[in-house]
Amino acid sequence: MNYPISAFTPEGDALRQKFVDEELIAAAIVGVVDVARSNGQSIEELTAEVLADDALLDSEQRRWLSEVIAVAWEQLL
């Protein structure tokens, strides 16, 4: 997955912090959902992308992340 995050958003500023916390992760997930939607992606396409990207996470972690993204997608409607 390659989702650019604008340098001019609170999420972009938060990603420059040295420490990762729950709020930073939540902001990143919201950013990914927002970018995917603005690009016309469906939740199915985004989930498939998350499940296919194996650069950093193992399959169990990717599955968990795809579930979290699906919940965020529904909550942000």
C-alpha atoms as a PDB file:
ATOM      1  CA  MET A   1       0.000   0.000   0.000  1.00  0.00           C
ATOM      2  CA  ASN A   2       1.281   3.388  -0.856  1.00  0.00           C
ATOM      3  CA  TYR A   3      -0.915   6.176   0.466  1.00  0.00           C
ATOM      4  CA  PRO A   4       0.712   9.602   0.616  1.00  0.00           C
ATOM      5  CA  ILE A   5      -0.256  11.695   3.603  1.00  0.00           C
ATOM      6  CA  SER A   6      -0.248  15.426   3.105  1.00  0.00           C
ATOM      7  CA  ALA A   7       2.368  17.384   4.990  1.00  0.00           C
ATOM      8  CA  PHE A   8      -0.292  19.947   5.808  1.00  0.00           C
ATOM      9  CA  THR A   9      -2.598  17.815   7.955  1.00  0.00           C
ATOM     10  CA  PRO A  10      -2.555  16.927  11.647  1.00  0.00           C
ATOM     11  CA  GLU A  11      -2.120  13.292  10.576  1.00  0.00           C
ATOM     12  CA  GLY A  12       0.963  14.205   8.543  1.00  0.00           C
ATOM     13  CA  ASP A  13       2.434  16.090  11.476  1.00  0.00           C
ATOM     14  CA  ALA A  14       1.664  13.206  13.834  1.00  0.00           C
ATOM     15  CA  LEU A  15       3.479  10.740  11.595  1.00  0.00           C
ATOM     16  CA  ARG A  16       6.683  12.727  12.060  1.00  0.00           C
ATOM     17  CA  GLN A  17       6.685  12.026  15.803  1.00  0.00           C
ATOM     18  CA  LYS A  18       9.266   9.612  17.134  1.00  0.00           C
ATOM     19  CA  PHE A  19       6.842   7.612  19.251  1.00  0.00           C
ATOM     20  CA  VAL A  20       3.952   5.589  17.898  1.00  0.00           C
ATOM     21  CA  ASP A  21       0.812   5.426  20.003  1.00  0.00           C
ATOM     22  CA  GLU A  22      -2.806   4.417  19.547  1.00  0.00           C
ATOM     23  CA  GLU A  23      -3.841   7.868  18.371  1.00  0.00           C
ATOM     24  CA  LEU A  24      -1.174   7.911  15.680  1.00  0.00           C
ATOM     25  CA  ILE A  25      -2.229   4.481  14.438  1.00  0.00           C
ATOM     26  CA  ALA A  26      -5.888   5.520  14.430  1.00  0.00           C
ATOM     27  CA  ALA A  27      -5.023   8.695  12.490  1.00  0.00           C
ATOM     28  CA  ALA A  28      -3.105   6.650   9.929  1.00  0.00           C
ATOM     29  CA  ILE A  29      -6.014   4.230   9.480  1.00  0.00           C
ATOM     30  CA  VAL A  30      -8.471   7.115   9.048  1.00  0.00           C
ATOM     31  CA  GLY A  31      -6.095   8.654   6.515  1.00  0.00           C
ATOM     32  CA  VAL A  32      -5.878   5.416   4.519  1.00  0.00           C
ATOM     33  CA  VAL A  33      -9.670   5.053   4.494  1.00  0.00           C
ATOM     34  CA  ASP A  34     -10.122   8.679   3.420  1.00  0.00           C
ATOM     35  CA  VAL A  35      -7.569   8.401   0.605  1.00  0.00           C
ATOM     36  CA  ALA A  36      -9.021   5.107  -0.609  1.00  0.00           C
ATOM     37  CA  ARG A  37     -12.509   6.588  -0.719  1.00  0.00           C
ATOM     38  CA  SER A  38     -11.327   9.737  -2.488  1.00  0.00           C
ATOM     39  CA  ASN A  39      -9.651   7.498  -5.071  1.00  0.00           C
ATOM     40  CA  GLY A  40     -12.945   5.683  -5.636  1.00  0.00           C
ATOM     41  CA  GLN A  41     -11.844   2.414  -4.050  1.00  0.00           C
ATOM     42  CA  SER A  42     -14.360   0.088  -2.465  1.00  0.00           C
ATOM     43  CA  ILE A  43     -13.848  -1.527   0.932  1.00  0.00           C
ATOM     44  CA  GLU A  44     -13.315  -4.819  -0.878  1.00  0.00           C
ATOM     45  CA  GLU A  45     -10.493  -3.324  -2.963  1.00  0.00           C
ATOM     46  CA  LEU A  46      -8.876  -1.746   0.081  1.00  0.00           C
ATOM     47  CA  THR A  47      -9.147  -4.964   2.084  1.00  0.00           C
ATOM     48  CA  ALA A  48      -7.601  -6.963  -0.770  1.00  0.00           C
ATOM     49  CA  GLU A  49      -4.750  -4.472  -0.910  1.00  0.00           C
ATOM     50  CA  VAL A  50      -4.138  -4.735   2.839  1.00  0.00           C
ATOM     51  CA  LEU A  51      -4.189  -8.536   2.702  1.00  0.00           C
ATOM     52  CA  ALA A  52      -1.792  -8.627  -0.255  1.00  0.00           C
ATOM     53  CA  ASP A  53       0.816  -6.201   1.107  1.00  0.00           C
ATOM     54  CA  ASP A  54       3.393  -8.321   2.919  1.00  0.00           C
ATOM     55  CA  ALA A  55       6.238  -5.845   3.285  1.00  0.00           C
ATOM     56  CA  LEU A  56       5.897  -5.302   7.035  1.00  0.00           C
ATOM     57  CA  LEU A  57       3.185  -7.536   8.492  1.00  0.00           C
ATOM     58  CA  ASP A  58       2.678 -11.279   8.596  1.00  0.00           C
ATOM     59  CA  SER A  59      -0.587 -12.786   7.333  1.00  0.00           C
ATOM     60  CA  GLU A  60      -2.283 -12.792  10.762  1.00  0.00           C
ATOM     61  CA  GLN A  61      -1.412  -9.142  11.336  1.00  0.00           C
ATOM     62  CA  ARG A  62      -2.649  -8.213   7.849  1.00  0.00           C
ATOM     63  CA  ARG A  63      -5.924 -10.021   8.502  1.00  0.00           C
ATOM     64  CA  TRP A  64      -6.354  -8.171  11.798  1.00  0.00           C
ATOM     65  CA  LEU A  65      -5.540  -4.839  10.134  1.00  0.00           C
ATOM     66  CA  SER A  66      -8.032  -5.498   7.339  1.00  0.00           C
ATOM     67  CA  GLU A  67     -10.724  -6.080   9.979  1.00  0.00           C
ATOM     68  CA  VAL A  68      -9.818  -2.839  11.751  1.00  0.00           C
ATOM     69  CA  ILE A  69      -9.947  -0.964   8.440  1.00  0.00           C
ATOM     70  CA  ALA A  70     -13.367  -2.471   7.663  1.00  0.00           C
ATOM     71  CA  VAL A  71     -14.677  -1.244  11.035  1.00  0.00           C
ATOM     72  CA  ALA A  72     -13.195   2.214  10.421  1.00  0.00           C
ATOM     73  CA  TRP A  73     -14.761   2.284   6.945  1.00  0.00           C
ATOM     74  CA  GLU A  74     -18.205   1.645   8.443  1.00  0.00           C
ATOM     75  CA  GLN A  75     -17.743   4.068  11.347  1.00  0.00           C
ATOM     76  CA  LEU A  76     -16.624   6.909   9.079  1.00  0.00           C
ATOM     77  CA  LEU A  77     -19.639   6.781   6.753  1.00  0.00           C
END
